[in-house]
Amino acid sequence: MTSTELISMEVEKLTETVKTSLQGLKRVALAEAWKVLQIAIATVIQIIEAIGNDLSSPEKKALALKLLSDFYDTVFTVVDVPVVPHVLESMIHKHVKALLMILVSSTIDSMVAVFRNAGVFQPKEAV
């Protein structure tokens, strides 16, 4: 089994756990969705860093973006956007996701930098 497959399995467990915990909600407010996504980002980054030793930095980021996009699709069926009528929310769902994924990409970069500076991630040794 490849590291990418192992990482995907771990993130699927995370996704199912979060989905189960939010199961009673029909809608999630945009601010709450962003908070959940931030925690998911930190967790996914740590999973990838722990297991994906054979992956390059661009491969790690691409994998994180894919896994977080899948996480979003699985966990958030409807995100409640303030001032948008509920009838229109399903129509703008893909646009909300696109906006959040731009923020996710930037947040990944920021969190990796913070984790490295704080010593959570050890720098790679020169080969």
N, C-alpha and C. Protein backbone atom coordinates (compact mmCIF):
# COMPACT_ATOMS: atom_id res chain seq x y z
N MET A 1 0.85 -1.18 0.00
CA MET A 1 0.00 0.00 0.00
C MET A 1 0.90 1.24 0.00
N THR A 2 0.57 2.21 -0.83
CA THR A 2 1.39 3.43 -0.93
C THR A 2 1.06 4.39 0.21
N SER A 3 1.95 5.34 0.40
CA SER A 3 1.71 6.34 1.45
C SER A 3 0.47 7.17 1.14
N THR A 4 0.23 7.44 -0.13
CA THR A 4 -0.95 8.20 -0.52
C THR A 4 -2.23 7.45 -0.14
N GLU A 5 -2.23 6.14 -0.35
CA GLU A 5 -3.39 5.34 0.03
C GLU A 5 -3.58 5.30 1.54
N LEU A 6 -2.48 5.18 2.28
CA LEU A 6 -2.55 5.18 3.75
C LEU A 6 -3.09 6.51 4.27
N ILE A 7 -2.59 7.59 3.69
CA ILE A 7 -3.05 8.93 4.08
C ILE A 7 -4.54 9.07 3.78
N SER A 8 -4.94 8.64 2.60
CA SER A 8 -6.36 8.73 2.21
C SER A 8 -7.25 7.96 3.18
N MET A 9 -6.79 6.79 3.61
CA MET A 9 -7.57 5.99 4.56
C MET A 9 -7.72 6.72 5.90
N GLU A 10 -6.64 7.34 6.37
CA GLU A 10 -6.70 8.08 7.64
C GLU A 10 -7.64 9.27 7.54
N VAL A 11 -7.59 9.97 6.42
CA VAL A 11 -8.45 11.14 6.24
C VAL A 11 -9.91 10.71 6.07
N GLU A 12 -10.15 9.55 5.46
CA GLU A 12 -11.52 9.03 5.37
C GLU A 12 -12.09 8.78 6.77
N LYS A 13 -11.26 8.27 7.68
CA LYS A 13 -11.71 8.07 9.07
C LYS A 13 -12.09 9.40 9.70
N LEU A 14 -11.25 10.42 9.49
CA LEU A 14 -11.54 11.76 10.00
C LEU A 14 -12.86 12.27 9.42
N THR A 15 -13.02 12.11 8.13
CA THR A 15 -14.23 12.58 7.44
C THR A 15 -15.47 11.91 8.01
N GLU A 16 -15.41 10.62 8.20
CA GLU A 16 -16.57 9.90 8.74
C GLU A 16 -16.88 10.33 10.17
N THR A 17 -15.84 10.56 10.97
CA THR A 17 -16.04 11.02 12.34
C THR A 17 -16.74 12.37 12.37
N VAL A 18 -16.26 13.30 11.55
CA VAL A 18 -16.86 14.64 11.52
C VAL A 18 -18.28 14.57 10.96
N LYS A 19 -18.46 13.79 9.91
CA LYS A 19 -19.79 13.66 9.30
C LYS A 19 -20.79 13.11 10.33
N THR A 20 -20.36 12.12 11.10
CA THR A 20 -21.22 11.54 12.12
C THR A 20 -21.56 12.56 13.20
N SER A 21 -20.56 13.35 13.60
CA SER A 21 -20.82 14.34 14.65
C SER A 21 -21.73 15.46 14.19
N LEU A 22 -21.77 15.74 12.90
CA LEU A 22 -22.63 16.80 12.36
C LEU A 22 -23.92 16.25 11.75
N GLN A 23 -24.14 14.98 11.92
CA GLN A 23 -25.24 14.30 11.25
C GLN A 23 -26.61 14.92 11.50
N GLY A 24 -26.85 15.42 12.69
CA GLY A 24 -28.16 15.98 13.02
C GLY A 24 -28.43 17.33 12.38
N LEU A 25 -27.41 17.96 11.84
CA LEU A 25 -27.57 19.29 11.25
C LEU A 25 -27.93 19.19 9.78
N LYS A 26 -28.95 19.93 9.37
CA LYS A 26 -29.29 19.98 7.95
C LYS A 26 -28.45 21.04 7.25
N ARG A 27 -28.10 22.08 8.00
CA ARG A 27 -27.32 23.19 7.45
C ARG A 27 -26.20 23.53 8.42
N VAL A 28 -25.11 23.99 7.86
CA VAL A 28 -23.98 24.46 8.67
C VAL A 28 -23.71 25.89 8.25
N ALA A 29 -23.60 26.78 9.22
CA ALA A 29 -23.31 28.19 8.91
C ALA A 29 -21.93 28.29 8.29
N LEU A 30 -21.76 29.25 7.42
CA LEU A 30 -20.49 29.44 6.73
C LEU A 30 -19.33 29.58 7.72
N ALA A 31 -19.52 30.38 8.76
CA ALA A 31 -18.45 30.58 9.76
C ALA A 31 -18.11 29.27 10.46
N GLU A 32 -19.11 28.47 10.75
CA GLU A 32 -18.87 27.18 11.40
C GLU A 32 -18.18 26.21 10.44
N ALA A 33 -18.58 26.22 9.18
CA ALA A 33 -17.93 25.36 8.18
C ALA A 33 -16.45 25.71 8.08
N TRP A 34 -16.13 27.00 8.11
CA TRP A 34 -14.74 27.43 8.02
C TRP A 34 -13.95 26.96 9.25
N LYS A 35 -14.57 27.03 10.42
CA LYS A 35 -13.89 26.56 11.64
C LYS A 35 -13.59 25.07 11.56
N VAL A 36 -14.57 24.30 11.11
CA VAL A 36 -14.36 22.86 10.97
C VAL A 36 -13.28 22.59 9.93
N LEU A 37 -13.31 23.32 8.84
CA LEU A 37 -12.29 23.15 7.80
C LEU A 37 -10.88 23.47 8.32
N GLN A 38 -10.75 24.49 9.14
CA GLN A 38 -9.43 24.83 9.69
C GLN A 38 -8.87 23.69 10.53
N ILE A 39 -9.71 23.08 11.35
CA ILE A 39 -9.27 21.94 12.15
C ILE A 39 -8.92 20.76 11.24
N ALA A 40 -9.74 20.54 10.23
CA ALA A 40 -9.46 19.47 9.27
C ALA A 40 -8.15 19.72 8.54
N ILE A 41 -7.88 20.96 8.17
CA ILE A 41 -6.63 21.30 7.48
C ILE A 41 -5.44 20.93 8.36
N ALA A 42 -5.46 21.35 9.62
CA ALA A 42 -4.36 21.06 10.52
C ALA A 42 -4.17 19.56 10.68
N THR A 43 -5.26 18.83 10.81
CA THR A 43 -5.18 17.38 10.98
C THR A 43 -4.66 16.70 9.73
N VAL A 44 -5.16 17.10 8.57
CA VAL A 44 -4.72 16.50 7.30
C VAL A 44 -3.23 16.78 7.08
N ILE A 45 -2.80 17.99 7.36
CA ILE A 45 -1.38 18.33 7.20
C ILE A 45 -0.52 17.42 8.08
N GLN A 46 -0.93 17.23 9.32
CA GLN A 46 -0.16 16.39 10.23
C GLN A 46 -0.15 14.93 9.78
N ILE A 47 -1.28 14.43 9.28
CA ILE A 47 -1.33 13.06 8.77
C ILE A 47 -0.39 12.91 7.59
N ILE A 48 -0.44 13.85 6.66
CA ILE A 48 0.42 13.79 5.48
C ILE A 48 1.88 13.86 5.88
N GLU A 49 2.21 14.74 6.79
CA GLU A 49 3.60 14.89 7.21
C GLU A 49 4.11 13.64 7.92
N ALA A 50 3.24 12.99 8.69
CA ALA A 50 3.64 11.79 9.43
C ALA A 50 3.82 10.57 8.53
N ILE A 51 2.98 10.45 7.50
CA ILE A 51 3.00 9.24 6.68
C ILE A 51 3.69 9.45 5.33
N GLY A 52 3.58 10.65 4.77
CA GLY A 52 4.03 10.90 3.40
C GLY A 52 5.48 11.29 3.25
N ASN A 53 6.38 10.56 3.88
CA ASN A 53 7.81 10.89 3.80
C ASN A 53 8.37 10.80 2.37
N ASP A 54 7.75 9.99 1.54
CA ASP A 54 8.23 9.81 0.17
C ASP A 54 7.65 10.84 -0.80
N LEU A 55 6.78 11.71 -0.31
CA LEU A 55 6.15 12.71 -1.19
C LEU A 55 6.89 14.03 -1.15
N SER A 56 6.94 14.70 -2.29
CA SER A 56 7.54 16.03 -2.35
C SER A 56 6.54 17.04 -1.78
N SER A 57 7.01 18.24 -1.49
CA SER A 57 6.12 19.28 -0.96
C SER A 57 4.95 19.59 -1.90
N PRO A 58 5.17 19.74 -3.22
CA PRO A 58 4.03 19.99 -4.11
C PRO A 58 3.05 18.81 -4.14
N GLU A 59 3.57 17.58 -4.04
CA GLU A 59 2.68 16.41 -4.02
C GLU A 59 1.85 16.39 -2.74
N LYS A 60 2.48 16.76 -1.62
CA LYS A 60 1.77 16.82 -0.34
C LYS A 60 0.64 17.85 -0.40
N LYS A 61 0.94 19.01 -0.97
CA LYS A 61 -0.09 20.06 -1.03
C LYS A 61 -1.23 19.64 -1.95
N ALA A 62 -0.90 19.07 -3.11
CA ALA A 62 -1.94 18.63 -4.04
C ALA A 62 -2.82 17.56 -3.40
N LEU A 63 -2.20 16.65 -2.66
CA LEU A 63 -2.96 15.61 -1.97
C LEU A 63 -3.85 16.22 -0.89
N ALA A 64 -3.30 17.15 -0.13
CA ALA A 64 -4.09 17.82 0.92
C ALA A 64 -5.29 18.53 0.31
N LEU A 65 -5.11 19.25 -0.78
CA LEU A 65 -6.21 19.97 -1.43
C LEU A 65 -7.29 19.00 -1.91
N LYS A 66 -6.88 17.89 -2.50
CA LYS A 66 -7.84 16.90 -2.98
C LYS A 66 -8.61 16.30 -1.81
N LEU A 67 -7.89 15.90 -0.76
CA LEU A 67 -8.54 15.28 0.39
C LEU A 67 -9.49 16.25 1.09
N LEU A 68 -9.09 17.51 1.19
CA LEU A 68 -9.95 18.51 1.85
C LEU A 68 -11.15 18.87 0.98
N SER A 69 -10.99 18.84 -0.32
CA SER A 69 -12.12 19.06 -1.22
C SER A 69 -13.13 17.93 -1.06
N ASP A 70 -12.63 16.70 -1.01
CA ASP A 70 -13.50 15.54 -0.80
C ASP A 70 -14.18 15.61 0.58
N PHE A 71 -13.41 16.04 1.59
CA PHE A 71 -13.93 16.22 2.94
C PHE A 71 -15.11 17.20 2.89
N TYR A 72 -14.92 18.33 2.25
CA TYR A 72 -15.97 19.34 2.13
C TYR A 72 -17.22 18.75 1.48
N ASP A 73 -17.03 18.05 0.36
CA ASP A 73 -18.17 17.48 -0.36
C ASP A 73 -18.94 16.46 0.48
N THR A 74 -18.22 15.73 1.31
CA THR A 74 -18.84 14.68 2.12
C THR A 74 -19.54 15.26 3.35
N VAL A 75 -18.90 16.22 3.99
CA VAL A 75 -19.39 16.72 5.27
C VAL A 75 -20.42 17.83 5.12
N PHE A 76 -20.23 18.72 4.18
CA PHE A 76 -21.09 19.90 4.06
C PHE A 76 -21.97 19.80 2.82
N THR A 77 -23.20 19.35 3.02
CA THR A 77 -24.11 19.29 1.88
C THR A 77 -24.74 20.65 1.61
N VAL A 78 -25.04 21.39 2.68
CA VAL A 78 -25.57 22.75 2.53
C VAL A 78 -24.88 23.65 3.54
N VAL A 79 -24.27 24.72 3.04
CA VAL A 79 -23.65 25.71 3.91
C VAL A 79 -24.55 26.94 3.92
N ASP A 80 -24.93 27.36 5.11
CA ASP A 80 -25.83 28.49 5.29
C ASP A 80 -25.04 29.80 5.17
N VAL A 81 -25.33 30.54 4.13
CA VAL A 81 -24.63 31.80 3.89
C VAL A 81 -25.55 32.95 4.34
N PRO A 82 -25.05 33.82 5.22
CA PRO A 82 -25.89 34.94 5.68
C PRO A 82 -26.37 35.79 4.50
N VAL A 83 -27.55 36.30 4.61
CA VAL A 83 -28.24 37.18 3.65
C VAL A 83 -28.60 36.52 2.32
N VAL A 84 -28.32 35.23 2.17
CA VAL A 84 -28.71 34.52 0.95
C VAL A 84 -29.93 33.67 1.28
N PRO A 85 -31.01 33.83 0.55
CA PRO A 85 -32.20 33.02 0.81
C PRO A 85 -31.89 31.52 0.69
N HIS A 86 -32.51 30.73 1.55
CA HIS A 86 -32.24 29.29 1.57
C HIS A 86 -32.48 28.64 0.21
N VAL A 87 -33.42 29.14 -0.53
CA VAL A 87 -33.74 28.58 -1.85
C VAL A 87 -32.53 28.68 -2.79
N LEU A 88 -31.76 29.75 -2.66
CA LEU A 88 -30.62 29.98 -3.55
C LEU A 88 -29.32 29.31 -3.09
N GLU A 89 -29.27 28.90 -1.83
CA GLU A 89 -28.02 28.36 -1.29
C GLU A 89 -27.51 27.14 -2.04
N SER A 90 -28.40 26.24 -2.41
CA SER A 90 -27.94 25.05 -3.14
C SER A 90 -27.35 25.42 -4.50
N MET A 91 -27.86 26.50 -5.08
CA MET A 91 -27.34 26.93 -6.39
C MET A 91 -25.96 27.56 -6.30
N ILE A 92 -25.66 28.18 -5.17
CA ILE A 92 -24.36 28.83 -5.04
C ILE A 92 -23.36 27.97 -4.26
N HIS A 93 -23.76 26.75 -3.91
CA HIS A 93 -22.91 25.86 -3.12
C HIS A 93 -21.52 25.69 -3.74
N LYS A 94 -21.46 25.47 -5.06
CA LYS A 94 -20.14 25.27 -5.70
C LYS A 94 -19.29 26.53 -5.63
N HIS A 95 -19.92 27.70 -5.63
CA HIS A 95 -19.17 28.96 -5.54
C HIS A 95 -18.64 29.18 -4.12
N VAL A 96 -19.44 28.80 -3.14
CA VAL A 96 -18.99 28.88 -1.75
C VAL A 96 -17.80 27.95 -1.56
N LYS A 97 -17.91 26.73 -2.11
CA LYS A 97 -16.81 25.77 -2.01
C LYS A 97 -15.56 26.32 -2.70
N ALA A 98 -15.71 26.89 -3.86
CA ALA A 98 -14.55 27.44 -4.59
C ALA A 98 -13.85 28.52 -3.77
N LEU A 99 -14.63 29.39 -3.15
CA LEU A 99 -14.06 30.44 -2.30
C LEU A 99 -13.33 29.82 -1.10
N LEU A 100 -13.98 28.87 -0.44
CA LEU A 100 -13.36 28.24 0.71
C LEU A 100 -12.10 27.47 0.33
N MET A 101 -12.07 26.86 -0.84
CA MET A 101 -10.88 26.11 -1.26
C MET A 101 -9.70 27.04 -1.55
N ILE A 102 -9.98 28.27 -1.98
CA ILE A 102 -8.90 29.26 -2.13
C ILE A 102 -8.32 29.57 -0.76
N LEU A 103 -9.19 29.74 0.22
CA LEU A 103 -8.74 29.98 1.59
C LEU A 103 -8.00 28.76 2.15
N VAL A 104 -8.47 27.56 1.82
CA VAL A 104 -7.82 26.33 2.27
C VAL A 104 -6.39 26.26 1.74
N SER A 105 -6.20 26.58 0.49
CA SER A 105 -4.86 26.54 -0.12
C SER A 105 -3.90 27.47 0.62
N SER A 106 -4.33 28.68 0.87
CA SER A 106 -3.49 29.64 1.59
C SER A 106 -3.25 29.20 3.03
N THR A 107 -4.28 28.63 3.65
CA THR A 107 -4.15 28.18 5.03
C THR A 107 -3.17 27.01 5.14
N ILE A 108 -3.17 26.13 4.16
CA ILE A 108 -2.20 25.02 4.16
C ILE A 108 -0.79 25.58 4.21
N ASP A 109 -0.49 26.54 3.33
CA ASP A 109 0.85 27.15 3.28
C ASP A 109 1.20 27.78 4.62
N SER A 110 0.26 28.51 5.19
CA SER A 110 0.50 29.19 6.47
C SER A 110 0.72 28.18 7.60
N MET A 111 -0.12 27.17 7.67
CA MET A 111 0.01 26.19 8.75
C MET A 111 1.31 25.39 8.66
N VAL A 112 1.70 25.02 7.46
CA VAL A 112 2.96 24.30 7.29
C VAL A 112 4.12 25.17 7.77
N ALA A 113 4.11 26.44 7.40
CA ALA A 113 5.17 27.36 7.85
C ALA A 113 5.19 27.49 9.37
N VAL A 114 4.02 27.63 9.96
CA VAL A 114 3.93 27.74 11.43
C VAL A 114 4.42 26.45 12.09
N PHE A 115 3.97 25.31 11.59
CA PHE A 115 4.40 24.03 12.16
C PHE A 115 5.92 23.86 12.05
N ARG A 116 6.49 24.27 10.93
CA ARG A 116 7.95 24.16 10.78
C ARG A 116 8.67 25.10 11.74
N ASN A 117 8.21 26.35 11.82
CA ASN A 117 8.85 27.33 12.71
C ASN A 117 8.70 26.96 14.18
N ALA A 118 7.59 26.30 14.53
CA ALA A 118 7.35 25.92 15.92
C ALA A 118 8.04 24.60 16.28
N GLY A 119 8.63 23.95 15.28
CA GLY A 119 9.33 22.69 15.54
C GLY A 119 8.43 21.46 15.52
N VAL A 120 7.17 21.62 15.13
CA VAL A 120 6.28 20.46 15.03
C VAL A 120 6.76 19.54 13.91
N PHE A 121 7.15 20.12 12.78
CA PHE A 121 7.71 19.35 11.68
C PHE A 121 9.21 19.55 11.68
N GLN A 122 9.93 18.45 11.63
CA GLN A 122 11.37 18.53 11.58
C GLN A 122 11.80 18.78 10.13
N PRO A 123 12.81 19.62 9.94
CA PRO A 123 13.28 19.86 8.57
C PRO A 123 13.85 18.58 7.97
N LYS A 124 13.67 18.42 6.66
CA LYS A 124 14.21 17.26 5.98
C LYS A 124 15.73 17.35 5.96
N GLU A 125 16.36 16.20 6.15
CA GLU A 125 17.81 16.15 6.11
C GLU A 125 18.26 16.09 4.65
N ALA A 126 19.38 16.71 4.37
CA ALA A 126 19.92 16.69 3.02
C ALA A 126 20.37 15.27 2.68
N VAL A 127 20.09 14.87 1.45
CA VAL A 127 20.47 13.51 1.03
C VAL A 127 21.80 13.54 0.35
